[in-house]
Amino acid sequence: TRHLARHLFGDAAGLATARRIDAEVDALPGL
């Protein structure tokens, strides 16, 4: 699990991706 996280999402682009998905969740009612 750590390998996938570090290899695919461990850099600044990975953080930006996480925040982009979180923004979509933010737009759902009540979330």
All heavy atoms as atom14 arrays in JSON, in Angstrom:
{
  "sequence": "TRHLARHLFGDAAGLATARRIDAEVDALPGL",
  "atom14_mask": [
    [1, 1, 1, 1, 1, 1, 1, 0, 0, 0, 0, 0, 0, 0],
    [1, 1, 1, 1, 1, 1, 1, 1, 1, 1, 1, 0, 0, 0],
    [1, 1, 1, 1, 1, 1, 1, 1, 1, 1, 0, 0, 0, 0],
    [1, 1, 1, 1, 1, 1, 1, 1, 0, 0, 0, 0, 0, 0],
    [1, 1, 1, 1, 1, 0, 0, 0, 0, 0, 0, 0, 0, 0],
    [1, 1, 1, 1, 1, 1, 1, 1, 1, 1, 1, 0, 0, 0],
    [1, 1, 1, 1, 1, 1, 1, 1, 1, 1, 0, 0, 0, 0],
    [1, 1, 1, 1, 1, 1, 1, 1, 0, 0, 0, 0, 0, 0],
    [1, 1, 1, 1, 1, 1, 1, 1, 1, 1, 1, 0, 0, 0],
    [1, 1, 1, 1, 0, 0, 0, 0, 0, 0, 0, 0, 0, 0],
    [1, 1, 1, 1, 1, 1, 1, 1, 0, 0, 0, 0, 0, 0],
    [1, 1, 1, 1, 1, 0, 0, 0, 0, 0, 0, 0, 0, 0],
    [1, 1, 1, 1, 1, 0, 0, 0, 0, 0, 0, 0, 0, 0],
    [1, 1, 1, 1, 0, 0, 0, 0, 0, 0, 0, 0, 0, 0],
    [1, 1, 1, 1, 1, 1, 1, 1, 0, 0, 0, 0, 0, 0],
    [1, 1, 1, 1, 1, 0, 0, 0, 0, 0, 0, 0, 0, 0],
    [1, 1, 1, 1, 1, 1, 1, 0, 0, 0, 0, 0, 0, 0],
    [1, 1, 1, 1, 1, 0, 0, 0, 0, 0, 0, 0, 0, 0],
    [1, 1, 1, 1, 1, 1, 1, 1, 1, 1, 1, 0, 0, 0],
    [1, 1, 1, 1, 1, 1, 1, 1, 1, 1, 1, 0, 0, 0],
    [1, 1, 1, 1, 1, 1, 1, 1, 0, 0, 0, 0, 0, 0],
    [1, 1, 1, 1, 1, 1, 1, 1, 0, 0, 0, 0, 0, 0],
    [1, 1, 1, 1, 1, 0, 0, 0, 0, 0, 0, 0, 0, 0],
    [1, 1, 1, 1, 1, 1, 1, 1, 1, 0, 0, 0, 0, 0],
    [1, 1, 1, 1, 1, 1, 1, 0, 0, 0, 0, 0, 0, 0],
    [1, 1, 1, 1, 1, 1, 1, 1, 0, 0, 0, 0, 0, 0],
    [1, 1, 1, 1, 1, 0, 0, 0, 0, 0, 0, 0, 0, 0],
    [1, 1, 1, 1, 1, 1, 1, 1, 0, 0, 0, 0, 0, 0],
    [1, 1, 1, 1, 1, 1, 1, 0, 0, 0, 0, 0, 0, 0],
    [1, 1, 1, 1, 0, 0, 0, 0, 0, 0, 0, 0, 0, 0],
    [1, 1, 1, 1, 1, 1, 1, 1, 0, 0, 0, 0, 0, 0]
  ],
  "atom14_positions": [
    [[0.84, -1.2, 0.0], [0.0, 0.0, 0.0], [0.87, 1.25, 0.0], [0.6, 2.22, -0.71], [-0.93, 0.0, 1.22], [-1.74, -1.17, 1.21], [-1.84, 1.22, 1.21], [0.0, 0.0, 0.0], [0.0, 0.0, 0.0], [0.0, 0.0, 0.0], [0.0, 0.0, 0.0], [0.0, 0.0, 0.0], [0.0, 0.0, 0.0], [0.0, 0.0, 0.0]],
    [[1.94, 1.22, 0.81], [2.86, 2.37, 0.85], [3.56, 2.55, -0.49], [3.77, 3.68, -0.94], [3.88, 2.19, 1.96], [3.33, 2.47, 3.35], [4.46, 2.61, 4.37], [5.25, 1.37, 4.48], [4.94, 0.37, 5.28], [3.86, 0.43, 6.05], [5.7, -0.72, 5.33], [0.0, 0.0, 0.0], [0.0, 0.0, 0.0], [0.0, 0.0, 0.0]],
    [[3.91, 1.44, -1.15], [4.57, 1.57, -2.45], [3.68, 2.31, -3.44], [4.13, 3.24, -4.12], [4.92, 0.2, -3.02], [5.35, 0.26, -4.46], [6.64, 0.6, -4.84], [4.65, 0.07, -5.62], [6.72, 0.62, -6.16], [5.53, 0.3, -6.66], [0.0, 0.0, 0.0], [0.0, 0.0, 0.0], [0.0, 0.0, 0.0], [0.0, 0.0, 0.0]],
    [[2.42, 1.91, -3.53], [1.51, 2.57, -4.46], [1.34, 4.04, -4.09], [1.34, 4.92, -4.97], [0.15, 1.87, -4.46], [0.09, 0.5, -5.15], [-1.32, -0.08, -5.02], [0.48, 0.6, -6.62], [0.0, 0.0, 0.0], [0.0, 0.0, 0.0], [0.0, 0.0, 0.0], [0.0, 0.0, 0.0], [0.0, 0.0, 0.0], [0.0, 0.0, 0.0]],
    [[1.2, 4.33, -2.8], [1.0, 5.72, -2.38], [2.22, 6.57, -2.71], [2.09, 7.69, -3.24], [0.71, 5.77, -0.88], [0.0, 0.0, 0.0], [0.0, 0.0, 0.0], [0.0, 0.0, 0.0], [0.0, 0.0, 0.0], [0.0, 0.0, 0.0], [0.0, 0.0, 0.0], [0.0, 0.0, 0.0], [0.0, 0.0, 0.0], [0.0, 0.0, 0.0]],
    [[3.4, 6.06, -2.42], [4.61, 6.84, -2.66], [4.95, 6.94, -4.14], [5.37, 8.0, -4.61], [5.78, 6.2, -1.89], [5.63, 6.33, -0.38], [6.66, 5.52, 0.38], [6.48, 5.68, 1.82], [7.16, 4.98, 2.74], [8.06, 4.1, 2.35], [6.93, 5.18, 4.03], [0.0, 0.0, 0.0], [0.0, 0.0, 0.0], [0.0, 0.0, 0.0]],
    [[4.75, 5.85, -4.86], [5.1, 5.86, -6.27], [4.14, 6.72, -7.1], [4.57, 7.43, -8.02], [5.09, 4.42, -6.81], [5.61, 4.29, -8.2], [5.17, 3.33, -9.09], [6.55, 5.01, -8.89], [5.8, 3.46, -10.24], [6.64, 4.46, -10.15], [0.0, 0.0, 0.0], [0.0, 0.0, 0.0], [0.0, 0.0, 0.0], [0.0, 0.0, 0.0]],
    [[2.85, 6.68, -6.76], [1.85, 7.32, -7.6], [1.32, 8.64, -7.05], [0.84, 9.48, -7.81], [0.68, 6.36, -7.83], [1.04, 5.0, -8.43], [-0.2, 4.15, -8.62], [1.81, 5.15, -9.74], [0.0, 0.0, 0.0], [0.0, 0.0, 0.0], [0.0, 0.0, 0.0], [0.0, 0.0, 0.0], [0.0, 0.0, 0.0], [0.0, 0.0, 0.0]],
    [[1.41, 8.83, -5.73], [0.8, 10.03, -5.13], [1.7, 10.72, -4.11], [1.24, 11.58, -3.37], [-0.52, 9.65, -4.44], [-1.55, 9.08, -5.36], [-1.86, 7.73, -5.32], [-2.2, 9.88, -6.28], [-2.81, 7.18, -6.17], [-3.15, 9.35, -7.14], [-3.45, 7.99, -7.09], [0.0, 0.0, 0.0], [0.0, 0.0, 0.0], [0.0, 0.0, 0.0]],
    [[2.97, 10.36, -4.07], [3.83, 10.87, -3.02], [4.41, 12.25, -3.24], [5.03, 12.82, -2.34], [0.0, 0.0, 0.0], [0.0, 0.0, 0.0], [0.0, 0.0, 0.0], [0.0, 0.0, 0.0], [0.0, 0.0, 0.0], [0.0, 0.0, 0.0], [0.0, 0.0, 0.0], [0.0, 0.0, 0.0], [0.0, 0.0, 0.0], [0.0, 0.0, 0.0]],
    [[4.2, 12.82, -4.42], [4.8, 14.12, -4.72], [3.75, 15.23, -4.69], [2.59, 15.01, -4.3], [5.49, 14.08, -6.09], [4.55, 13.65, -7.21], [3.33, 13.52, -6.96], [5.03, 13.44, -8.35], [0.0, 0.0, 0.0], [0.0, 0.0, 0.0], [0.0, 0.0, 0.0], [0.0, 0.0, 0.0], [0.0, 0.0, 0.0], [0.0, 0.0, 0.0]],
    [[4.16, 16.42, -5.1], [3.24, 17.56, -5.09], [2.05, 17.34, -6.01], [0.93, 17.75, -5.71], [3.99, 18.83, -5.5], [0.0, 0.0, 0.0], [0.0, 0.0, 0.0], [0.0, 0.0, 0.0], [0.0, 0.0, 0.0], [0.0, 0.0, 0.0], [0.0, 0.0, 0.0], [0.0, 0.0, 0.0], [0.0, 0.0, 0.0], [0.0, 0.0, 0.0]],
    [[2.29, 16.66, -7.15], [1.18, 16.36, -8.05], [0.17, 15.43, -7.39], [-1.04, 15.56, -7.59], [1.71, 15.74, -9.34], [0.0, 0.0, 0.0], [0.0, 0.0, 0.0], [0.0, 0.0, 0.0], [0.0, 0.0, 0.0], [0.0, 0.0, 0.0], [0.0, 0.0, 0.0], [0.0, 0.0, 0.0], [0.0, 0.0, 0.0], [0.0, 0.0, 0.0]],
    [[0.67, 14.5, -6.57], [-0.22, 13.6, -5.84], [-1.09, 14.34, -4.84], [-2.28, 14.03, -4.67], [0.0, 0.0, 0.0], [0.0, 0.0, 0.0], [0.0, 0.0, 0.0], [0.0, 0.0, 0.0], [0.0, 0.0, 0.0], [0.0, 0.0, 0.0], [0.0, 0.0, 0.0], [0.0, 0.0, 0.0], [0.0, 0.0, 0.0], [0.0, 0.0, 0.0]],
    [[-0.49, 15.31, -4.17], [-1.25, 16.13, -3.22], [-2.32, 16.95, -3.96], [-3.46, 17.04, -3.5], [-0.31, 17.06, -2.46], [-0.98, 18.06, -1.5], [-1.8, 17.33, -0.44], [0.08, 18.95, -0.84], [0.0, 0.0, 0.0], [0.0, 0.0, 0.0], [0.0, 0.0, 0.0], [0.0, 0.0, 0.0], [0.0, 0.0, 0.0], [0.0, 0.0, 0.0]],
    [[-1.94, 17.5, -5.11], [-2.91, 18.27, -5.9], [-4.07, 17.39, -6.36], [-5.23, 17.81, -6.36], [-2.21, 18.91, -7.1], [0.0, 0.0, 0.0], [0.0, 0.0, 0.0], [0.0, 0.0, 0.0], [0.0, 0.0, 0.0], [0.0, 0.0, 0.0], [0.0, 0.0, 0.0], [0.0, 0.0, 0.0], [0.0, 0.0, 0.0], [0.0, 0.0, 0.0]],
    [[-3.75, 16.15, -6.73], [-4.8, 15.21, -7.14], [-5.74, 14.93, -5.99], [-6.98, 14.92, -6.16], [-4.17, 13.9, -7.64], [-3.41, 14.15, -8.82], [-5.25, 12.86, -7.94], [0.0, 0.0, 0.0], [0.0, 0.0, 0.0], [0.0, 0.0, 0.0], [0.0, 0.0, 0.0], [0.0, 0.0, 0.0], [0.0, 0.0, 0.0], [0.0, 0.0, 0.0]],
    [[-5.18, 14.69, -4.81], [-6.02, 14.42, -3.63], [-6.95, 15.59, -3.35], [-8.15, 15.4, -3.07], [-5.13, 14.13, -2.42], [0.0, 0.0, 0.0], [0.0, 0.0, 0.0], [0.0, 0.0, 0.0], [0.0, 0.0, 0.0], [0.0, 0.0, 0.0], [0.0, 0.0, 0.0], [0.0, 0.0, 0.0], [0.0, 0.0, 0.0], [0.0, 0.0, 0.0]],
    [[-6.43, 16.79, -3.44], [-7.26, 17.97, -3.17], [-8.31, 18.19, -4.25], [-9.41, 18.67, -3.96], [-6.35, 19.18, -3.02], [-5.54, 19.14, -1.72], [-4.56, 20.28, -1.6], [-3.94, 20.27, -0.27], [-2.92, 21.04, 0.08], [-2.41, 21.91, -0.8], [-2.4, 20.96, 1.3], [0.0, 0.0, 0.0], [0.0, 0.0, 0.0], [0.0, 0.0, 0.0]],
    [[-8.0, 17.82, -5.49], [-8.99, 17.95, -6.56], [-10.16, 16.99, -6.33], [-11.33, 17.37, -6.5], [-8.33, 17.67, -7.91], [-9.31, 17.62, -9.06], [-8.59, 17.42, -10.39], [-7.7, 16.28, -10.38], [-8.12, 15.01, -10.53], [-9.41, 14.74, -10.65], [-7.25, 14.03, -10.54], [0.0, 0.0, 0.0], [0.0, 0.0, 0.0], [0.0, 0.0, 0.0]],
    [[-9.86, 15.77, -5.94], [-10.94, 14.81, -5.67], [-11.73, 15.24, -4.44], [-12.97, 15.16, -4.42], [-10.36, 13.39, -5.48], [-9.63, 12.94, -6.74], [-11.48, 12.4, -5.13], [-8.85, 11.64, -6.58], [0.0, 0.0, 0.0], [0.0, 0.0, 0.0], [0.0, 0.0, 0.0], [0.0, 0.0, 0.0], [0.0, 0.0, 0.0], [0.0, 0.0, 0.0]],
    [[-11.04, 15.73, -3.43], [-11.73, 16.21, -2.23], [-12.67, 17.37, -2.57], [-13.74, 17.5, -1.97], [-10.72, 16.64, -1.17], [-10.15, 15.47, -0.39], [-10.81, 14.41, -0.35], [-9.07, 15.61, 0.2], [0.0, 0.0, 0.0], [0.0, 0.0, 0.0], [0.0, 0.0, 0.0], [0.0, 0.0, 0.0], [0.0, 0.0, 0.0], [0.0, 0.0, 0.0]],
    [[-12.26, 18.21, -3.52], [-13.12, 19.32, -3.91], [-14.42, 18.82, -4.54], [-15.49, 19.41, -4.36], [-12.38, 20.24, -4.88], [0.0, 0.0, 0.0], [0.0, 0.0, 0.0], [0.0, 0.0, 0.0], [0.0, 0.0, 0.0], [0.0, 0.0, 0.0], [0.0, 0.0, 0.0], [0.0, 0.0, 0.0], [0.0, 0.0, 0.0], [0.0, 0.0, 0.0]],
    [[-14.34, 17.72, -5.28], [-15.55, 17.14, -5.85], [-16.46, 16.6, -4.75], [-17.68, 16.74, -4.82], [-15.2, 16.03, -6.84], [-16.41, 15.44, -7.55], [-16.05, 14.45, -8.64], [-14.86, 14.13, -8.79], [-16.98, 13.99, -9.35], [0.0, 0.0, 0.0], [0.0, 0.0, 0.0], [0.0, 0.0, 0.0], [0.0, 0.0, 0.0], [0.0, 0.0, 0.0]],
    [[-15.86, 15.98, -3.74], [-16.65, 15.49, -2.61], [-17.27, 16.66, -1.86], [-18.43, 16.6, -1.43], [-15.77, 14.64, -1.66], [-16.56, 14.21, -0.42], [-15.23, 13.42, -2.39], [0.0, 0.0, 0.0], [0.0, 0.0, 0.0], [0.0, 0.0, 0.0], [0.0, 0.0, 0.0], [0.0, 0.0, 0.0], [0.0, 0.0, 0.0], [0.0, 0.0, 0.0]],
    [[-16.53, 17.74, -1.71], [-17.04, 18.94, -1.03], [-18.33, 19.44, -1.67], [-19.19, 20.0, -0.99], [-16.0, 20.07, -1.08], [-14.85, 19.84, -0.11], [-14.96, 18.95, 0.76], [-13.84, 20.55, -0.23], [0.0, 0.0, 0.0], [0.0, 0.0, 0.0], [0.0, 0.0, 0.0], [0.0, 0.0, 0.0], [0.0, 0.0, 0.0], [0.0, 0.0, 0.0]],
    [[-18.45, 19.26, -2.97], [-19.61, 19.78, -3.7], [-20.86, 18.92, -3.53], [-21.95, 19.34, -3.91], [-19.27, 19.91, -5.19], [0.0, 0.0, 0.0], [0.0, 0.0, 0.0], [0.0, 0.0, 0.0], [0.0, 0.0, 0.0], [0.0, 0.0, 0.0], [0.0, 0.0, 0.0], [0.0, 0.0, 0.0], [0.0, 0.0, 0.0], [0.0, 0.0, 0.0]],
    [[-20.72, 17.73, -2.94], [-21.88, 16.88, -2.71], [-22.67, 17.4, -1.51], [-22.08, 17.96, -0.57], [-21.44, 15.43, -2.46], [-20.79, 14.72, -3.65], [-20.3, 13.34, -3.23], [-21.76, 14.61, -4.82], [0.0, 0.0, 0.0], [0.0, 0.0, 0.0], [0.0, 0.0, 0.0], [0.0, 0.0, 0.0], [0.0, 0.0, 0.0], [0.0, 0.0, 0.0]],
    [[-23.97, 17.21, -1.5], [-24.8, 17.73, -0.4], [-24.36, 17.21, 0.97], [-24.29, 16.0, 1.18], [-26.2, 17.22, -0.74], [-26.18, 17.07, -2.23], [-24.8, 16.61, -2.57], [0.0, 0.0, 0.0], [0.0, 0.0, 0.0], [0.0, 0.0, 0.0], [0.0, 0.0, 0.0], [0.0, 0.0, 0.0], [0.0, 0.0, 0.0], [0.0, 0.0, 0.0]],
    [[-24.0, 18.14, 1.84], [-23.68, 17.79, 3.22], [-22.3, 17.26, 3.47], [-21.99, 16.84, 4.6], [0.0, 0.0, 0.0], [0.0, 0.0, 0.0], [0.0, 0.0, 0.0], [0.0, 0.0, 0.0], [0.0, 0.0, 0.0], [0.0, 0.0, 0.0], [0.0, 0.0, 0.0], [0.0, 0.0, 0.0], [0.0, 0.0, 0.0], [0.0, 0.0, 0.0]],
    [[-21.39, 17.28, 2.49], [-20.09, 16.63, 2.66], [-18.9, 17.59, 2.57], [-17.76, 17.14, 2.44], [-19.92, 15.51, 1.63], [-20.95, 14.39, 1.65], [-20.53, 13.27, 0.71], [-21.18, 13.86, 3.05], [0.0, 0.0, 0.0], [0.0, 0.0, 0.0], [0.0, 0.0, 0.0], [0.0, 0.0, 0.0], [0.0, 0.0, 0.0], [0.0, 0.0, 0.0]]
  ]
}
